[in-house]
C-alpha atoms as a PDB file:
ATOM      1  CA  MET A   1     173.354 118.704  89.013  1.00  0.00           C
ATOM      2  CA  PRO A   2     176.517 117.098  90.436  1.00  0.00           C
ATOM      3  CA  ASP A   3     179.833 117.610  88.643  1.00  0.00           C
ATOM      4  CA  SER A   4     180.522 114.311  86.895  1.00  0.00           C
ATOM      5  CA  HIS A   5     184.240 115.188  86.719  1.00  0.00           C
ATOM      6  CA  SER A   6     184.640 115.894  90.461  1.00  0.00           C
ATOM      7  CA  THR A   7     187.145 113.784  92.393  1.00  0.00           C
ATOM      8  CA  ASP A   8     185.323 114.460  95.674  1.00  0.00           C
ATOM      9  CA  PRO A   9     183.181 111.388  96.450  1.00  0.00           C
ATOM     10  CA  LYS A  10     181.166 113.448  98.947  1.00  0.00           C
ATOM     11  CA  GLN A  11     180.418 116.390  96.674  1.00  0.00           C
ATOM     12  CA  GLY A  12     176.756 115.417  96.463  1.00  0.00           C
ATOM     13  CA  GLU A  13     176.367 115.446 100.223  1.00  0.00           C
ATOM     14  CA  ARG A  14     178.315 118.712 100.617  1.00  0.00           C
ATOM     15  CA  GLU A  15     176.217 120.513  97.999  1.00  0.00           C
ATOM     16  CA  TYR A  16     172.882 118.794  98.610  1.00  0.00           C
ATOM     17  CA  TYR A  17     171.113 121.677 100.358  1.00  0.00           C
ATOM     18  CA  ALA A  18     172.643 124.248  98.041  1.00  0.00           C
ATOM     19  CA  GLN A  19     171.129 122.361  95.131  1.00  0.00           C
ATOM     20  CA  LEU A  20     167.780 122.041  96.886  1.00  0.00           C
ATOM     21  CA  GLY A  21     167.443 125.792  97.388  1.00  0.00           C
ATOM     22  CA  ASP A  22     165.911 128.044 100.013  1.00  0.00           C
ATOM     23  CA  ALA A  23     162.322 126.796  99.715  1.00  0.00           C
ATOM     24  CA  ALA A  24     163.324 123.186 100.310  1.00  0.00           C
ATOM     25  CA  ILE A  25     165.542 124.196 103.238  1.00  0.00           C
ATOM     26  CA  ALA A  26     162.627 126.089 104.802  1.00  0.00           C
ATOM     27  CA  HIS A  27     160.457 122.990 104.343  1.00  0.00           C
ATOM     28  CA  ALA A  28     163.067 120.744 105.992  1.00  0.00           C
ATOM     29  CA  ILE A  29     163.456 123.052 108.982  1.00  0.00           C
ATOM     30  CA  ARG A  30     159.723 122.777 109.709  1.00  0.00           C
ATOM     31  CA  LYS A  31     159.794 118.989 109.860  1.00  0.00           C
ATOM     32  CA  PRO A  32     158.152 116.850 111.062  1.00  0.00           C
ATOM     33  CA  PHE A  33     154.954 118.884 110.606  1.00  0.00           C
ATOM     34  CA  SER A  34     155.777 120.234 107.142  1.00  0.00           C
ATOM     35  CA  ASP A  35     156.489 116.803 105.712  1.00  0.00           C
ATOM     36  CA  GLU A  36     154.169 114.283 104.068  1.00  0.00           C
ATOM     37  CA  ASN A  37     155.735 111.656 106.350  1.00  0.00           C
ATOM     38  CA  CYS A  38     154.646 113.532 109.478  1.00  0.00           C
ATOM     39  CA  ALA A  39     152.916 110.565 111.143  1.00  0.00           C
ATOM     40  CA  PHE A  40     155.902 108.336 110.318  1.00  0.00           C
ATOM     41  CA  ASN A  41     158.380 110.715 111.951  1.00  0.00           C
ATOM     42  CA  LEU A  42     156.214 111.527 114.966  1.00  0.00           C
ATOM     43  CA  ALA A  43     155.863 107.820 115.781  1.00  0.00           C
ATOM     44  CA  ASN A  44     159.618 107.400 115.531  1.00  0.00           C
ATOM     45  CA  LEU A  45     160.258 110.465 117.681  1.00  0.00           C
ATOM     46  CA  ALA A  46     157.981 109.126 120.412  1.00  0.00           C
ATOM     47  CA  ALA A  47     160.027 105.918 120.427  1.00  0.00           C
ATOM     48  CA  LEU A  48     163.289 107.885 120.438  1.00  0.00           C
ATOM     49  CA  PHE A  49     162.272 109.941 123.478  1.00  0.00           C
ATOM     50  CA  HIS A  50     161.299 106.721 125.275  1.00  0.00           C
ATOM     51  CA  LEU A  51     164.733 105.255 124.512  1.00  0.00           C
ATOM     52  CA  LEU A  52     166.558 108.311 125.842  1.00  0.00           C
ATOM     53  CA  PRO A  53     167.108 108.802 129.567  1.00  0.00           C
ATOM     54  CA  PRO A  54     165.758 112.134 130.807  1.00  0.00           C
ATOM     55  CA  PRO A  55     167.917 115.274 130.608  1.00  0.00           C
ATOM     56  CA  PRO A  56     170.574 116.304 131.323  1.00  0.00           C
ATOM     57  CA  LEU A  57     172.364 114.229 128.727  1.00  0.00           C
ATOM     58  CA  ARG A  58     175.003 114.898 126.068  1.00  0.00           C
ATOM     59  CA  ILE A  59     173.850 113.877 122.590  1.00  0.00           C
ATOM     60  CA  LEU A  60     175.946 113.891 119.425  1.00  0.00           C
ATOM     61  CA  HIS A  61     173.693 114.028 116.346  1.00  0.00           C
ATOM     62  CA  LEU A  62     175.674 112.944 113.287  1.00  0.00           C
ATOM     63  CA  GLY A  63     174.303 113.988 109.913  1.00  0.00           C
ATOM     64  CA  CYS A  64     171.918 116.466 111.512  1.00  0.00           C
ATOM     65  CA  GLY A  65     170.986 118.241 108.275  1.00  0.00           C
ATOM     66  CA  VAL A  66     169.111 121.501 108.934  1.00  0.00           C
ATOM     67  CA  GLY A  67     168.750 120.504 112.576  1.00  0.00           C
ATOM     68  CA  TRP A  68     165.010 119.968 112.953  1.00  0.00           C
ATOM     69  CA  LEU A  69     165.573 116.952 115.223  1.00  0.00           C
ATOM     70  CA  SER A  70     168.571 118.440 117.043  1.00  0.00           C
ATOM     71  CA  HIS A  71     166.416 121.480 117.782  1.00  0.00           C
ATOM     72  CA  MET A  72     163.641 119.352 119.292  1.00  0.00           C
ATOM     73  CA  LEU A  73     166.120 117.476 121.468  1.00  0.00           C
ATOM     74  CA  ALA A  74     167.601 120.737 122.724  1.00  0.00           C
ATOM     75  CA  GLU A  75     164.132 122.096 123.477  1.00  0.00           C
ATOM     76  CA  ARG A  76     163.569 118.991 125.614  1.00  0.00           C
ATOM     77  CA  GLY A  77     166.614 119.958 127.680  1.00  0.00           C
ATOM     78  CA  TYR A  78     169.415 117.838 126.227  1.00  0.00           C
ATOM     79  CA  HIS A  79     172.834 119.270 125.422  1.00  0.00           C
ATOM     80  CA  VAL A  80     173.124 118.578 121.695  1.00  0.00           C
ATOM     81  CA  THR A  81     175.953 118.842 119.197  1.00  0.00           C
ATOM     82  CA  GLY A  82     174.857 118.516 115.581  1.00  0.00           C
ATOM     83  CA  ILE A  83     177.366 117.835 112.808  1.00  0.00           C
ATOM     84  CA  ASP A  84     176.699 117.919 109.079  1.00  0.00           C
ATOM     85  CA  ILE A  85     178.817 118.102 105.955  1.00  0.00           C
ATOM     86  CA  ALA A  86     176.579 120.606 104.117  1.00  0.00           C
ATOM     87  CA  PRO A  87     177.374 124.297 104.814  1.00  0.00           C
ATOM     88  CA  GLU A  88     173.888 125.510 103.887  1.00  0.00           C
ATOM     89  CA  ALA A  89     172.309 123.040 106.305  1.00  0.00           C
ATOM     90  CA  ILE A  90     174.492 124.140 109.219  1.00  0.00           C
ATOM     91  CA  ALA A  91     173.896 127.800 108.403  1.00  0.00           C
ATOM     92  CA  ALA A  92     170.111 127.321 108.408  1.00  0.00           C
ATOM     93  CA  ALA A  93     170.223 125.291 111.615  1.00  0.00           C
ATOM     94  CA  THR A  94     172.379 127.911 113.330  1.00  0.00           C
ATOM     95  CA  ARG A  95     170.040 130.761 112.353  1.00  0.00           C
ATOM     96  CA  ARG A  96     167.051 128.931 113.780  1.00  0.00           C
ATOM     97  CA  ARG A  97     168.932 128.092 116.983  1.00  0.00           C
ATOM     98  CA  ASP A  98     169.928 131.729 117.476  1.00  0.00           C
ATOM     99  CA  GLU A  99     166.375 132.936 116.837  1.00  0.00           C
ATOM    100  CA  ALA A 100     165.108 130.503 119.481  1.00  0.00           C
ATOM    101  CA  GLY A 101     167.853 131.408 121.966  1.00  0.00           C
ATOM    102  CA  LEU A 102     168.864 127.798 122.626  1.00  0.00           C
ATOM    103  CA  THR A 103     172.138 127.807 124.529  1.00  0.00           C
ATOM    104  CA  ASP A 104     172.710 124.039 124.811  1.00  0.00           C
ATOM    105  CA  LEU A 105     172.686 123.435 121.062  1.00  0.00           C
ATOM    106  CA  VAL A 106     175.931 123.523 119.064  1.00  0.00           C
ATOM    107  CA  TYR A 107     176.240 123.050 115.321  1.00  0.00           C
ATOM    108  CA  GLN A 108     179.469 122.245 113.527  1.00  0.00           C
ATOM    109  CA  LEU A 109     180.326 121.870 109.874  1.00  0.00           C
ATOM    110  CA  GLY A 110     182.157 118.600 109.447  1.00  0.00           C
ATOM    111  CA  ASP A 111     182.323 115.083 108.094  1.00  0.00           C
ATOM    112  CA  TYR A 112     180.998 112.468 110.525  1.00  0.00           C
ATOM    113  CA  GLU A 113     183.444 109.943 109.092  1.00  0.00           C
ATOM    114  CA  ASP A 114     186.310 111.965 110.599  1.00  0.00           C
ATOM    115  CA  ALA A 115     187.457 111.875 114.212  1.00  0.00           C
ATOM    116  CA  ILE A 116     185.670 114.271 116.592  1.00  0.00           C
ATOM    117  CA  ASN A 117     187.540 115.911 119.467  1.00  0.00           C
ATOM    118  CA  HIS A 118     185.054 116.478 122.283  1.00  0.00           C
ATOM    119  CA  GLU A 119     184.352 115.358 125.794  1.00  0.00           C
ATOM    120  CA  PRO A 120     182.629 111.963 125.624  1.00  0.00           C
ATOM    121  CA  TYR A 121     178.929 111.874 124.799  1.00  0.00           C
ATOM    122  CA  ASP A 122     176.203 109.791 126.422  1.00  0.00           C
ATOM    123  CA  VAL A 123     174.366 109.105 123.171  1.00  0.00           C
ATOM    124  CA  VAL A 124     175.266 109.252 119.487  1.00  0.00           C
ATOM    125  CA  LEU A 125     172.346 109.500 117.070  1.00  0.00           C
ATOM    126  CA  PHE A 126     172.029 108.706 113.386  1.00  0.00           C
ATOM    127  CA  TYR A 127     168.541 109.517 112.111  1.00  0.00           C
ATOM    128  CA  ASP A 128     168.184 108.797 108.404  1.00  0.00           C
ATOM    129  CA  ALA A 129     171.812 109.810 107.861  1.00  0.00           C
ATOM    130  CA  LEU A 130     174.218 106.850 108.103  1.00  0.00           C
ATOM    131  CA  HIS A 131     173.069 105.502 104.732  1.00  0.00           C
ATOM    132  CA  HIS A 132     174.605 108.623 103.116  1.00  0.00           C
ATOM    133  CA  ALA A 133     178.112 107.725 104.313  1.00  0.00           C
ATOM    134  CA  GLU A 134     180.899 107.045 101.844  1.00  0.00           C
ATOM    135  CA  GLU A 135     182.396 104.559 104.331  1.00  0.00           C
ATOM    136  CA  PRO A 136     179.873 103.597 107.036  1.00  0.00           C
ATOM    137  CA  SER A 137     182.565 101.690 108.924  1.00  0.00           C
ATOM    138  CA  ARG A 138     184.453 104.947 109.506  1.00  0.00           C
ATOM    139  CA  ALA A 139     181.256 106.671 110.642  1.00  0.00           C
ATOM    140  CA  LEU A 140     180.618 103.981 113.238  1.00  0.00           C
ATOM    141  CA  THR A 141     184.238 104.111 114.384  1.00  0.00           C
ATOM    142  CA  THR A 142     183.783 107.869 114.903  1.00  0.00           C
ATOM    143  CA  ALA A 143     180.582 107.227 116.845  1.00  0.00           C
ATOM    144  CA  ALA A 144     182.217 104.646 119.109  1.00  0.00           C
ATOM    145  CA  ALA A 145     185.178 106.909 119.833  1.00  0.00           C
ATOM    146  CA  ALA A 146     182.861 109.797 120.724  1.00  0.00           C
ATOM    147  CA  LEU A 147     180.925 107.823 123.354  1.00  0.00           C
ATOM    148  CA  ARG A 148     181.708 107.428 127.026  1.00  0.00           C
ATOM    149  CA  PRO A 149     182.077 103.837 128.317  1.00  0.00           C
ATOM    150  CA  GLY A 150     178.563 102.400 128.503  1.00  0.00           C
ATOM    151  CA  GLY A 151     177.194 105.048 126.144  1.00  0.00           C
ATOM    152  CA  LYS A 152     174.903 104.051 123.323  1.00  0.00           C
ATOM    153  CA  LEU A 153     174.382 104.622 119.641  1.00  0.00           C
ATOM    154  CA  ILE A 154     170.834 104.897 118.308  1.00  0.00           C
ATOM    155  CA  ALA A 155     170.475 104.485 114.549  1.00  0.00           C
ATOM    156  CA  PHE A 156     167.282 104.738 112.561  1.00  0.00           C
ATOM    157  CA  GLU A 157     168.046 103.984 108.931  1.00  0.00           C
ATOM    158  CA  PRO A 158     166.401 102.631 105.754  1.00  0.00           C
ATOM    159  CA  GLY A 159     167.033  98.957 105.154  1.00  0.00           C
ATOM    160  CA  GLU A 160     166.891  96.501 102.301  1.00  0.00           C
ATOM    161  CA  GLY A 161     165.630  97.839  98.994  1.00  0.00           C
ATOM    162  CA  HIS A 162     166.350 101.491  99.760  1.00  0.00           C
ATOM    163  CA  HIS A 163     169.160 101.887  97.217  1.00  0.00           C
ATOM    164  CA  ASP A 164     167.095 100.468  94.358  1.00  0.00           C
ATOM    165  CA  SER A 165     163.922 102.429  95.090  1.00  0.00           C
ATOM    166  CA  ALA A 166     162.796 104.964  92.510  1.00  0.00           C
ATOM    167  CA  LYS A 167     163.165 107.843  94.979  1.00  0.00           C
ATOM    168  CA  SER A 168     166.754 106.893  95.838  1.00  0.00           C
ATOM    169  CA  GLN A 169     167.756 106.439  92.227  1.00  0.00           C
ATOM    170  CA  GLN A 170     166.326 109.858  91.409  1.00  0.00           C
ATOM    171  CA  ALA A 171     168.292 111.434  94.273  1.00  0.00           C
ATOM    172  CA  ILE A 172     171.497 109.751  93.090  1.00  0.00           C
ATOM    173  CA  ALA A 173     170.951 110.971  89.529  1.00  0.00           C
ATOM    174  CA  ASN A 174     169.939 114.517  90.476  1.00  0.00           C
ATOM    175  CA  PHE A 175     172.250 115.235  93.416  1.00  0.00           C
ATOM    176  CA  GLY A 176     175.027 112.652  93.359  1.00  0.00           C
ATOM    177  CA  VAL A 177     174.354 111.533  96.937  1.00  0.00           C
ATOM    178  CA  HIS A 178     174.925 108.121  98.481  1.00  0.00           C
ATOM    179  CA  GLU A 179     171.776 106.073  99.108  1.00  0.00           C
ATOM    180  CA  ALA A 180     172.903 102.753 100.563  1.00  0.00           C
ATOM    181  CA  ASP A 181     170.837  99.971 102.090  1.00  0.00           C
ATOM    182  CA  MET A 182     171.476 100.136 105.826  1.00  0.00           C
ATOM    183  CA  PRO A 183     169.532  97.282 107.484  1.00  0.00           C
ATOM    184  CA  PRO A 184     170.074  96.496 111.167  1.00  0.00           C
ATOM    185  CA  ALA A 185     172.275  93.488 110.387  1.00  0.00           C
ATOM    186  CA  ARG A 186     174.765  95.676 108.534  1.00  0.00           C
ATOM    187  CA  ILE A 187     174.801  98.342 111.251  1.00  0.00           C
ATOM    188  CA  ILE A 188     175.368  95.671 113.902  1.00  0.00           C
ATOM    189  CA  ALA A 189     178.217  94.011 112.014  1.00  0.00           C
ATOM    190  CA  LEU A 190     179.968  97.323 111.390  1.00  0.00           C
ATOM    191  CA  GLY A 191     179.262  98.418 114.956  1.00  0.00           C
ATOM    192  CA  HIS A 192     180.848  95.381 116.561  1.00  0.00           C
ATOM    193  CA  ALA A 193     183.885  95.821 114.302  1.00  0.00           C
ATOM    194  CA  ALA A 194     184.086  99.439 115.522  1.00  0.00           C
ATOM    195  CA  GLY A 195     184.135  98.398 119.168  1.00  0.00           C
ATOM    196  CA  PHE A 196     180.513  98.205 120.306  1.00  0.00           C
ATOM    197  CA  SER A 197     179.886  95.366 122.737  1.00  0.00           C
ATOM    198  CA  ARG A 198     176.189  94.544 122.405  1.00  0.00           C
ATOM    199  CA  HIS A 199     173.133  95.469 120.398  1.00  0.00           C
ATOM    200  CA  GLN A 200     169.369  95.398 120.210  1.00  0.00           C
ATOM    201  CA  ILE A 201     166.988  95.742 117.265  1.00  0.00           C
ATOM    202  CA  MET A 202     163.811  97.624 118.117  1.00  0.00           C
ATOM    203  CA  PRO A 203     160.637  97.241 116.030  1.00  0.00           C
ATOM    204  CA  HIS A 204     159.779  99.979 113.588  1.00  0.00           C
ATOM    205  CA  PRO A 205     157.574 102.349 115.638  1.00  0.00           C
ATOM    206  CA  ALA A 206     155.628 103.793 112.714  1.00  0.00           C
ATOM    207  CA  ASP A 207     154.748 100.303 111.472  1.00  0.00           C
ATOM    208  CA  LEU A 208     153.439  99.339 114.906  1.00  0.00           C
ATOM    209  CA  MET A 209     151.354 102.490 115.193  1.00  0.00           C
ATOM    210  CA  ALA A 210     149.971 102.049 111.692  1.00  0.00           C
ATOM    211  CA  GLU A 211     148.855  98.499 112.439  1.00  0.00           C
ATOM    212  CA  LEU A 212     146.923  99.389 115.574  1.00  0.00           C
ATOM    213  CA  TYR A 213     145.664 102.894 114.783  1.00  0.00           C
ATOM    214  CA  HIS A 214     144.282 102.229 111.326  1.00  0.00           C
ATOM    215  CA  PRO A 215     141.568 104.168 109.474  1.00  0.00           C
ATOM    216  CA  ASP A 216     139.796 101.002 108.301  1.00  0.00           C
ATOM    217  CA  TYR A 217     137.961 100.806 111.635  1.00  0.00           C
ATOM    218  CA  ALA A 218     135.601 103.360 110.138  1.00  0.00           C
ATOM    219  CA  VAL A 219     134.191 100.878 107.602  1.00  0.00           C
ATOM    220  CA  ALA A 220     132.919  98.516 110.320  1.00  0.00           C
ATOM    221  CA  THR A 221     129.125  98.691 110.531  1.00  0.00           C
ATOM    222  CA  ASP A 222     128.586  97.334 114.060  1.00  0.00           C
ATOM    223  CA  GLN A 223     130.380  96.603 117.328  1.00  0.00           C
ATOM    224  CA  ILE A 224     131.132  92.978 116.416  1.00  0.00           C
ATOM    225  CA  ALA A 225     132.768  94.018 113.164  1.00  0.00           C
ATOM    226  CA  LEU A 226     134.814  96.589 115.066  1.00  0.00           C
ATOM    227  CA  ALA A 227     135.957  93.935 117.553  1.00  0.00           C
ATOM    228  CA  ARG A 228     137.001  91.636 114.703  1.00  0.00           C
ATOM    229  CA  ARG A 229     138.990  94.376 113.033  1.00  0.00           C
ATOM    230  CA  GLN A 230     140.705  95.244 116.298  1.00  0.00           C
ATOM    231  CA  PHE A 231     141.581  91.574 116.840  1.00  0.00           C
ATOM    232  CA  ASP A 232     143.003  91.346 113.308  1.00  0.00           C
ATOM    233  CA  ARG A 233     145.016  94.512 113.831  1.00  0.00           C
ATOM    234  CA  SER A 234     146.304  93.317 117.200  1.00  0.00           C
ATOM    235  CA  TRP A 235     147.389  90.026 115.657  1.00  0.00           C
ATOM    236  CA  GLN A 236     149.232  91.885 112.919  1.00  0.00           C
ATOM    237  CA  LEU A 237     150.876  93.951 115.629  1.00  0.00           C
ATOM    238  CA  VAL A 238     152.147  90.828 117.391  1.00  0.00           C
ATOM    239  CA  ARG A 239     153.525  89.496 114.108  1.00  0.00           C
ATOM    240  CA  GLU A 240     155.228  92.831 113.460  1.00  0.00           C
ATOM    241  CA  LEU A 241     156.896  92.700 116.877  1.00  0.00           C
ATOM    242  CA  TRP A 242     158.549  89.372 116.122  1.00  0.00           C
ATOM    243  CA  ARG A 243     159.315  89.905 112.454  1.00  0.00           C
ATOM    244  CA  GLU A 244     162.986  90.483 111.664  1.00  0.00           C
ATOM    245  CA  PRO A 245     163.252  94.116 110.507  1.00  0.00           C
ATOM    246  CA  ARG A 246     164.754  94.467 107.057  1.00  0.00           C
ATOM    247  CA  ARG A 247     163.511  97.962 106.282  1.00  0.00           C
ATOM    248  CA  HIS A 248     163.413 100.801 108.800  1.00  0.00           C
ATOM    249  CA  ALA A 249     164.187  99.933 112.410  1.00  0.00           C
ATOM    250  CA  PHE A 250     165.823 101.355 115.490  1.00  0.00           C
ATOM    251  CA  THR A 251     169.182  99.709 116.034  1.00  0.00           C
ATOM    252  CA  VAL A 252     170.741 100.342 119.435  1.00  0.00           C
ATOM    253  CA  LEU A 253     174.400  99.563 120.174  1.00  0.00           C
ATOM    254  CA  TRP A 254     176.210  99.958 123.492  1.00  0.00           C
ATOM    255  CA  LYS A 255     179.896 100.708 123.871  1.00  0.00           C
END
């Protein structure tokens, strides 16, 4: 449980993995396949790899946690630096990196709201991490400063309703972490204030996949019924493409 008398507003984030324990850390390292949201994450990862130019490329992964995504990016051939505020997360990520012998993967213990002294990066990535920031504006200022001219930020974050969800409220109560709503509109506003010049909101990949590749095709009893269901699903897909994302979405900003 978090110390209610602590003056450190980021204590929950610093101690999150220590409070979770070894079993939960081992589960997180094996993501996406260990997680109940496997299909959700795999769809998002496919979209992420489409958004990224091919290697070689320098990627700064802010809020990398135990490094499951940083590890995958490094295996693809990118040069990756992962930063997280939790010592246990960085320790677990480093052990896995060393076991795999990945030489283009660097982990650092640090706060992504603080300035980072490195050669400029091509891409900065927030994946389900920016909503844990104490001051998201500082995190986006850090991201902008870390990018080369023309570099881009890719953020995939929970949107409206996240803070008030039962899961978030339980995490706040149990671990003292931040669980803010981080819809694309907020990321864009903070990003432009931090110095980004343009933006794009990409549809939620997992939602698109779920609309088209849906298990209810199995209940159709003939070819006509199957065709109708596919038409209905395709129509829902078109609507999803044009709907303004308020929950999860990929938000891309260029410096």
